[in-house]
Amino acid sequence: INFAKSDDAEAQLCAALALARVSTNTENQTKIVDGGGLPPLIALGVNGSRDIRYLAAVALANLTASSAQDQKKIIKEGGLKVLVSLINSGEPQALGPAAAALANLASGEENHEVIVEEGGLDALITLIKCSVAETHAHACRALSLLAAHDTNKPKIIEKGGLLPLSQLVMKSKSAEIQRYVASILGQCANDENNNAKMMVVEVLKALKVLASVADDEVKLCATWAIANLAQKQGHREMIVQHIGVDLLKELNKCGNVMIQCEAGRALQNLQDVEVPAPASGGFSLSVSEKWHVEFSELTLDKRVGVGGFGEVFRGSYRGDEVAIKKLLSQHMTKEDMMDFKNEVEMQSRLSHNNV
């Protein structure tokens, strides 16, 4: 701690490294806080070199995992302001530990108000948008904890947090992130006065993805959100268009009673909504909506073959490598359309990880 107070940069660096390491031990965390370690660490987080600021952030992240009493001392000494400042500075190295520290502080409900007041909510949304993947789960965890507080739900919506969260779901396969984002969307949708702002295509698509995963906890939160959004008449047409009733019918038959109840509640509200007719002159692919893919989510790469009425390309869909068949003719005969319909229906009945 005394070396951390030194004016010598090398001494500061060694001290910051040592404090970052010893603070991983639970017993040492309280000793560092009670032994006067916070002021020099916070000063290093502001005035130190890039490496020193990173190590100070690591130490603060470890210390915020300590007791609620230590968390209060860290906030009182200015540690929260330093963490927010490090995030706003955009230093990639320090973003991960700073995000972890904010998530740890958000675990204490008594800290929520001051976190929001000192810019922590804006900083967390910034982390969701950044390209440093290490920060995403921490930021999502912190936001899910803050969203449990009624006054924070509208703030997360108003500050534009839902769009980057939804975009993160569409590109990330992390079960941890899915769980946190589902919780956030579920809690925000439960805010009747503000959930109209959730009625954007990206959020609805994210809810559809989350309601389709294997994790029942994620499914339940997503289905709960859909059911709450469907309570308002003005929301229902968009829900049918971008989430669909087929998925909800499947959820209504699943083995989890709570998911069944929420899916049933959503279906009850959506029962009078007219399902849009296909825009293909009466031709319909009578397969479950879960097999429908948004063309905008496909990326085509090199062509790998040509079939009877289509080209086959290597490509990607939501981060997975896929094969994409593209029709050769945009003016197909009725017979061609029937062949295509039969092929889609046949493949939709296959059960394999690669289909």
Protein backbone atom coordinates (compact mmCIF):
# COMPACT_ATOMS: atom_id res chain seq x y z
CA ILE A 1 0.00 0.00 0.00
CA ASN A 2 2.84 2.39 0.84
CA PHE A 3 4.61 1.65 -2.45
CA ALA A 4 1.33 2.46 -4.26
CA LYS A 5 1.59 5.96 -2.77
CA SER A 6 5.09 6.44 -4.21
CA ASP A 7 5.88 8.95 -6.94
CA ASP A 8 8.10 6.39 -8.64
CA ALA A 9 6.30 4.83 -11.62
CA GLU A 10 8.10 1.48 -11.30
CA ALA A 11 7.18 1.23 -7.61
CA GLN A 12 3.57 2.09 -8.47
CA LEU A 13 3.47 -0.63 -11.13
CA CYS A 14 4.88 -3.30 -8.82
CA ALA A 15 2.54 -2.26 -6.01
CA ALA A 16 -0.50 -2.30 -8.30
CA LEU A 17 0.46 -5.76 -9.58
CA ALA A 18 0.93 -7.08 -6.05
CA LEU A 19 -2.39 -5.63 -4.86
CA ALA A 20 -4.19 -7.06 -7.89
CA ARG A 21 -2.83 -10.52 -7.04
CA VAL A 22 -3.27 -10.55 -3.26
CA SER A 23 -6.79 -9.11 -3.55
CA THR A 24 -7.99 -12.39 -5.08
CA ASN A 25 -7.88 -13.80 -1.53
CA THR A 26 -11.08 -13.13 0.43
CA GLU A 27 -9.28 -12.47 3.73
CA ASN A 28 -6.93 -10.00 2.08
CA GLN A 29 -9.75 -7.97 0.54
CA THR A 30 -11.00 -6.57 3.84
CA LYS A 31 -7.40 -6.08 5.05
CA ILE A 32 -6.60 -3.94 1.99
CA VAL A 33 -9.77 -1.84 2.47
CA ASP A 34 -9.28 -1.41 6.23
CA GLY A 35 -5.52 -0.90 5.82
CA GLY A 36 -5.92 2.26 3.72
CA GLY A 37 -5.41 0.64 0.35
CA LEU A 38 -8.37 2.27 -1.39
CA PRO A 39 -7.14 5.89 -1.75
CA PRO A 40 -3.80 5.00 -3.44
CA LEU A 41 -5.49 2.37 -5.65
CA ILE A 42 -8.13 4.87 -6.77
CA ALA A 43 -5.43 7.48 -7.40
CA LEU A 44 -3.53 4.97 -9.55
CA GLY A 45 -6.74 4.27 -11.48
CA VAL A 46 -6.90 7.97 -12.37
CA ASN A 47 -3.29 9.10 -12.73
CA GLY A 48 -1.27 5.96 -13.40
CA SER A 49 0.05 4.71 -16.72
CA ARG A 50 -2.17 2.51 -18.91
CA ASP A 51 -0.80 -0.69 -17.34
CA ILE A 52 -1.13 0.70 -13.83
CA ARG A 53 -4.73 1.81 -14.49
CA TYR A 54 -5.51 -1.71 -15.71
CA LEU A 55 -4.00 -3.32 -12.59
CA ALA A 56 -5.83 -0.85 -10.35
CA ALA A 57 -9.08 -1.82 -12.09
CA VAL A 58 -8.31 -5.52 -11.51
CA ALA A 59 -7.69 -4.88 -7.81
CA LEU A 60 -10.91 -2.85 -7.51
CA ALA A 61 -12.85 -5.61 -9.27
CA ASN A 62 -11.53 -8.11 -6.72
CA LEU A 63 -12.29 -5.80 -3.79
CA THR A 64 -15.87 -5.16 -4.95
CA ALA A 65 -16.48 -8.91 -4.62
CA SER A 66 -16.02 -8.53 -0.86
CA SER A 67 -18.67 -7.58 1.71
CA ALA A 68 -21.47 -5.02 1.33
CA GLN A 69 -19.62 -2.91 3.91
CA ASP A 70 -16.46 -2.87 1.78
CA GLN A 71 -18.53 -2.00 -1.30
CA LYS A 72 -19.90 1.05 0.50
CA LYS A 73 -16.36 2.15 1.40
CA ILE A 74 -15.21 1.72 -2.20
CA ILE A 75 -18.08 3.90 -3.44
CA LYS A 76 -17.51 6.49 -0.68
CA GLU A 77 -13.80 6.76 -1.51
CA GLY A 78 -14.57 7.46 -5.17
CA GLY A 79 -14.01 3.98 -6.61
CA LEU A 80 -17.27 3.98 -8.56
CA LYS A 81 -16.40 7.25 -10.29
CA VAL A 82 -13.02 5.83 -11.31
CA LEU A 83 -14.62 2.70 -12.75
CA VAL A 84 -17.11 4.75 -14.78
CA SER A 85 -14.28 6.98 -15.97
CA LEU A 86 -12.19 3.98 -17.07
CA ILE A 87 -15.15 2.62 -19.07
CA ASN A 88 -15.86 6.00 -20.67
CA SER A 89 -12.18 6.33 -21.61
CA GLY A 90 -12.58 3.29 -23.84
CA GLU A 91 -9.27 1.68 -22.83
CA PRO A 92 -9.79 -1.94 -24.01
CA GLN A 93 -7.47 -3.42 -21.38
CA ALA A 94 -9.32 -1.88 -18.44
CA LEU A 95 -12.88 -2.46 -19.70
CA GLY A 96 -13.12 -6.10 -18.55
CA PRO A 97 -12.18 -5.58 -14.88
CA ALA A 98 -14.11 -2.30 -14.71
CA ALA A 99 -17.22 -4.11 -16.03
CA ALA A 100 -16.75 -6.93 -13.49
CA ALA A 101 -16.43 -4.38 -10.69
CA LEU A 102 -19.67 -2.62 -11.69
CA ALA A 103 -21.46 -5.96 -11.81
CA ASN A 104 -20.19 -6.78 -8.32
CA LEU A 105 -21.37 -3.42 -6.98
CA ALA A 106 -24.78 -3.91 -8.64
CA SER A 107 -25.22 -7.12 -6.64
CA GLY A 108 -26.02 -4.88 -3.67
CA GLU A 109 -29.49 -3.37 -4.11
CA GLU A 110 -28.49 -0.55 -1.77
CA ASN A 111 -25.91 0.53 -4.39
CA HIS A 112 -28.34 0.80 -7.31
CA GLU A 113 -29.31 4.42 -6.85
CA VAL A 114 -25.75 5.73 -6.62
CA ILE A 115 -24.62 3.58 -9.56
CA VAL A 116 -27.25 5.21 -11.77
CA GLU A 117 -26.60 8.70 -10.34
CA GLU A 118 -22.86 8.51 -11.06
CA GLY A 119 -23.27 7.41 -14.67
CA GLY A 120 -22.96 3.66 -14.18
CA LEU A 121 -26.06 2.86 -16.25
CA ASP A 122 -24.77 4.80 -19.27
CA ALA A 123 -21.35 3.15 -18.84
CA LEU A 124 -22.93 -0.33 -18.84
CA ILE A 125 -24.83 0.39 -22.05
CA THR A 126 -21.57 1.61 -23.57
CA LEU A 127 -19.99 -1.73 -22.63
CA ILE A 128 -22.80 -3.66 -24.36
CA LYS A 129 -22.06 -1.75 -27.57
CA CYS A 130 -18.27 -2.13 -27.43
CA SER A 131 -16.30 -4.73 -29.36
CA VAL A 132 -14.52 -6.18 -26.30
CA ALA A 133 -16.42 -9.45 -25.80
CA GLU A 134 -15.02 -9.91 -22.29
CA THR A 135 -17.19 -7.04 -21.05
CA HIS A 136 -20.55 -8.20 -22.38
CA ALA A 137 -21.49 -10.83 -19.79
CA HIS A 138 -20.44 -8.57 -16.89
CA ALA A 139 -22.42 -5.63 -18.29
CA CYS A 140 -25.48 -7.82 -18.93
CA ARG A 141 -25.27 -9.19 -15.38
CA ALA A 142 -25.12 -5.69 -13.93
CA LEU A 143 -28.05 -4.49 -16.03
CA SER A 144 -30.14 -7.53 -15.05
CA LEU A 145 -29.53 -6.68 -11.40
CA LEU A 146 -30.37 -3.01 -11.90
CA ALA A 147 -33.53 -3.91 -13.87
CA ALA A 148 -34.92 -5.61 -10.76
CA HIS A 149 -35.43 -2.11 -9.32
CA ASP A 150 -38.68 -0.55 -10.59
CA THR A 151 -37.17 2.91 -11.06
CA ASN A 152 -34.41 1.55 -13.29
CA LYS A 153 -36.56 -0.27 -15.85
CA PRO A 154 -37.76 2.90 -17.62
CA LYS A 155 -34.23 4.34 -17.44
CA ILE A 156 -32.75 1.31 -19.22
CA ILE A 157 -35.41 1.72 -21.92
CA GLU A 158 -35.09 5.51 -22.20
CA LYS A 159 -31.29 5.39 -22.44
CA GLY A 160 -31.50 3.04 -25.43
CA GLY A 161 -30.27 -0.10 -23.70
CA LEU A 162 -32.69 -2.58 -25.26
CA LEU A 163 -31.50 -2.28 -28.87
CA PRO A 164 -27.81 -3.16 -28.23
CA LEU A 165 -28.91 -5.92 -25.84
CA SER A 166 -31.15 -7.40 -28.53
CA GLN A 167 -28.40 -7.12 -31.13
CA LEU A 168 -26.04 -8.88 -28.74
CA VAL A 169 -28.48 -11.80 -28.45
CA MET A 170 -28.61 -12.15 -32.23
CA LYS A 171 -24.83 -12.51 -32.56
CA SER A 172 -23.82 -14.22 -29.30
CA LYS A 173 -24.26 -17.89 -28.42
CA SER A 174 -23.33 -17.36 -24.78
CA ALA A 175 -25.87 -19.06 -22.49
CA GLU A 176 -24.84 -16.62 -19.76
CA ILE A 177 -25.63 -13.59 -21.91
CA GLN A 178 -28.92 -15.14 -23.06
CA ARG A 179 -29.93 -15.67 -19.44
CA TYR A 180 -29.15 -12.10 -18.39
CA VAL A 181 -30.73 -10.44 -21.44
CA ALA A 182 -33.88 -12.57 -21.12
CA SER A 183 -34.16 -11.41 -17.52
CA ILE A 184 -33.73 -7.75 -18.51
CA LEU A 185 -36.31 -7.94 -21.32
CA GLY A 186 -38.72 -9.83 -19.08
CA GLN A 187 -38.48 -7.24 -16.31
CA CYS A 188 -38.75 -4.28 -18.70
CA ALA A 189 -41.79 -5.80 -20.43
CA ASN A 190 -43.42 -6.03 -16.99
CA ASP A 191 -43.37 -2.21 -16.79
CA GLU A 192 -46.78 -1.40 -18.30
CA ASN A 193 -46.08 2.33 -18.52
CA ASN A 194 -42.96 1.97 -20.64
CA ASN A 195 -43.08 -1.36 -22.46
CA ALA A 196 -44.54 0.22 -25.61
CA LYS A 197 -40.98 1.36 -26.32
CA MET A 198 -39.99 -2.30 -26.60
CA MET A 199 -42.12 -2.73 -29.70
CA VAL A 200 -39.29 -2.60 -32.20
CA VAL A 201 -38.38 -5.35 -34.63
CA GLU A 202 -34.94 -6.05 -33.13
CA VAL A 203 -36.32 -6.59 -29.61
CA LEU A 204 -39.10 -8.87 -30.86
CA LYS A 205 -36.63 -10.93 -32.90
CA ALA A 206 -34.40 -11.26 -29.82
CA LEU A 207 -37.37 -12.46 -27.77
CA LYS A 208 -38.15 -15.03 -30.46
CA VAL A 209 -34.56 -16.33 -30.33
CA LEU A 210 -34.57 -16.44 -26.52
CA ALA A 211 -37.91 -18.25 -26.43
CA SER A 212 -36.44 -20.91 -28.74
CA VAL A 213 -33.33 -21.86 -26.74
CA ALA A 214 -33.00 -25.04 -24.67
CA ASP A 215 -32.64 -23.31 -21.29
CA ASP A 216 -36.05 -23.24 -19.54
CA GLU A 217 -35.09 -20.23 -17.43
CA VAL A 218 -34.37 -18.20 -20.56
CA LYS A 219 -37.52 -19.50 -22.29
CA LEU A 220 -39.64 -18.54 -19.30
CA CYS A 221 -38.34 -14.96 -19.13
CA ALA A 222 -38.79 -14.48 -22.88
CA THR A 223 -42.29 -15.98 -22.89
CA TRP A 224 -43.22 -13.87 -19.86
CA ALA A 225 -42.07 -10.77 -21.76
CA ILE A 226 -44.06 -11.74 -24.87
CA ALA A 227 -47.20 -12.39 -22.78
CA ASN A 228 -46.89 -8.99 -21.06
CA LEU A 229 -46.35 -7.17 -24.35
CA ALA A 230 -49.35 -8.97 -25.87
CA GLN A 231 -51.64 -7.52 -23.21
CA LYS A 232 -51.87 -4.30 -25.20
CA GLN A 233 -54.04 -4.36 -28.31
CA GLY A 234 -51.67 -2.12 -30.25
CA HIS A 235 -48.77 -4.57 -29.80
CA ARG A 236 -50.42 -7.74 -31.01
CA GLU A 237 -50.07 -7.47 -34.77
CA MET A 238 -46.32 -6.86 -34.53
CA ILE A 239 -45.93 -9.81 -32.16
CA VAL A 240 -47.73 -12.12 -34.60
CA GLN A 241 -45.65 -10.75 -37.48
CA HIS A 242 -42.20 -11.00 -35.86
CA ILE A 243 -42.60 -13.75 -33.25
CA GLY A 244 -45.58 -15.70 -34.56
CA VAL A 245 -48.11 -17.97 -32.93
CA ASP A 246 -46.48 -21.27 -33.99
CA LEU A 247 -43.64 -20.82 -31.51
CA LEU A 248 -46.07 -19.92 -28.72
CA LYS A 249 -48.17 -23.00 -29.50
CA GLU A 250 -45.05 -25.16 -29.18
CA LEU A 251 -44.19 -23.50 -25.85
CA ASN A 252 -47.75 -24.07 -24.68
CA LYS A 253 -47.13 -27.82 -25.07
CA CYS A 254 -43.69 -27.98 -23.44
CA GLY A 255 -43.01 -29.81 -20.20
CA ASN A 256 -42.56 -26.70 -18.05
CA VAL A 257 -45.87 -25.63 -16.48
CA MET A 258 -44.80 -22.01 -15.94
CA ILE A 259 -43.74 -21.63 -19.59
CA GLN A 260 -47.03 -23.23 -20.64
CA CYS A 261 -48.97 -20.68 -18.57
CA GLU A 262 -47.15 -17.68 -20.05
CA ALA A 263 -47.44 -19.01 -23.60
CA GLY A 264 -51.14 -19.68 -23.03
CA ARG A 265 -51.60 -16.13 -21.72
CA ALA A 266 -49.93 -14.73 -24.83
CA LEU A 267 -51.99 -16.93 -27.15
CA GLN A 268 -55.19 -15.86 -25.40
CA ASN A 269 -54.39 -12.22 -26.18
CA LEU A 270 -53.35 -12.98 -29.77
CA GLN A 271 -56.26 -15.22 -30.72
CA ASP A 272 -58.21 -12.48 -32.52
CA VAL A 273 -55.22 -11.23 -34.53
CA GLU A 274 -55.41 -12.16 -38.20
CA VAL A 275 -52.28 -13.99 -39.33
CA PRO A 276 -50.98 -12.28 -42.52
CA ALA A 277 -51.51 -14.29 -45.69
CA PRO A 278 -48.39 -15.25 -47.69
CA ALA A 279 -47.41 -12.78 -50.40
CA SER A 280 -46.86 -15.40 -53.08
CA GLY A 281 -50.12 -15.43 -55.00
CA GLY A 282 -51.76 -18.01 -52.74
CA PHE A 283 -48.76 -20.35 -52.54
CA SER A 284 -47.96 -21.33 -48.95
CA LEU A 285 -45.17 -23.27 -47.31
CA SER A 286 -47.10 -25.16 -44.67
CA VAL A 287 -44.18 -25.61 -42.30
CA SER A 288 -43.68 -24.30 -38.80
CA GLU A 289 -42.63 -20.68 -38.55
CA LYS A 290 -39.49 -21.73 -36.65
CA TRP A 291 -38.06 -22.82 -40.04
CA HIS A 292 -38.52 -19.36 -41.55
CA VAL A 293 -35.26 -17.40 -41.84
CA GLU A 294 -34.83 -13.65 -42.29
CA PHE A 295 -32.82 -13.16 -45.49
CA SER A 296 -31.03 -10.20 -43.89
CA GLU A 297 -29.45 -12.60 -41.36
CA LEU A 298 -27.79 -14.67 -44.10
CA THR A 299 -24.29 -13.98 -45.44
CA LEU A 300 -23.43 -15.62 -48.78
CA ASP A 301 -19.87 -16.70 -49.53
CA LYS A 302 -18.54 -18.76 -52.49
CA ARG A 303 -20.75 -21.00 -54.60
CA VAL A 304 -20.18 -24.71 -53.97
CA GLY A 305 -22.69 -26.31 -56.34
CA VAL A 306 -25.75 -26.08 -58.57
CA GLY A 307 -28.96 -28.07 -58.07
CA GLY A 308 -32.00 -28.69 -60.23
CA PHE A 309 -33.43 -25.23 -59.72
CA GLY A 310 -30.99 -23.50 -57.41
CA GLU A 311 -27.40 -22.63 -56.65
CA VAL A 312 -25.82 -23.76 -53.36
CA PHE A 313 -23.55 -21.36 -51.51
CA ARG A 314 -21.36 -21.62 -48.46
CA GLY A 315 -22.50 -18.95 -45.99
CA SER A 316 -23.27 -18.07 -42.40
CA TYR A 317 -26.39 -17.64 -40.28
CA ARG A 318 -26.12 -16.14 -36.77
CA GLY A 319 -22.47 -17.15 -36.60
CA ASP A 320 -22.96 -20.73 -37.83
CA GLU A 321 -21.55 -22.00 -41.13
CA VAL A 322 -24.45 -23.07 -43.34
CA ALA A 323 -25.31 -24.11 -46.89
CA ILE A 324 -27.70 -21.71 -48.64
CA LYS A 325 -29.72 -22.64 -51.71
CA LYS A 326 -30.66 -19.71 -53.92
CA LEU A 327 -33.30 -20.09 -56.63
CA LEU A 328 -31.99 -19.70 -60.17
CA SER A 329 -35.25 -18.24 -61.49
CA GLN A 330 -37.42 -15.64 -59.85
CA HIS A 331 -40.31 -16.59 -62.20
CA MET A 332 -41.07 -20.18 -61.30
CA THR A 333 -43.89 -22.28 -62.72
CA LYS A 334 -46.53 -23.78 -60.47
CA GLU A 335 -44.77 -27.16 -60.79
CA ASP A 336 -41.44 -25.59 -59.77
CA MET A 337 -43.08 -24.03 -56.74
CA MET A 338 -44.60 -27.36 -55.73
CA ASP A 339 -41.19 -29.07 -56.03
CA PHE A 340 -39.63 -26.38 -53.87
CA LYS A 341 -42.49 -26.65 -51.34
CA ASN A 342 -42.05 -30.43 -51.13
CA GLU A 343 -38.29 -30.11 -50.60
CA VAL A 344 -38.73 -27.58 -47.77
CA GLU A 345 -41.41 -29.67 -46.07
CA MET A 346 -39.27 -32.80 -46.35
CA GLN A 347 -36.18 -31.13 -44.89
CA SER A 348 -38.20 -29.52 -42.08
CA ARG A 349 -39.03 -33.02 -40.82
CA LEU A 350 -35.39 -34.05 -40.58
CA SER A 351 -33.85 -34.24 -37.11
CA HIS A 352 -30.12 -33.60 -37.21
CA ASN A 353 -27.71 -31.08 -35.67
CA ASN A 354 -26.61 -29.94 -39.12
CA VAL A 355 -30.11 -29.22 -40.47
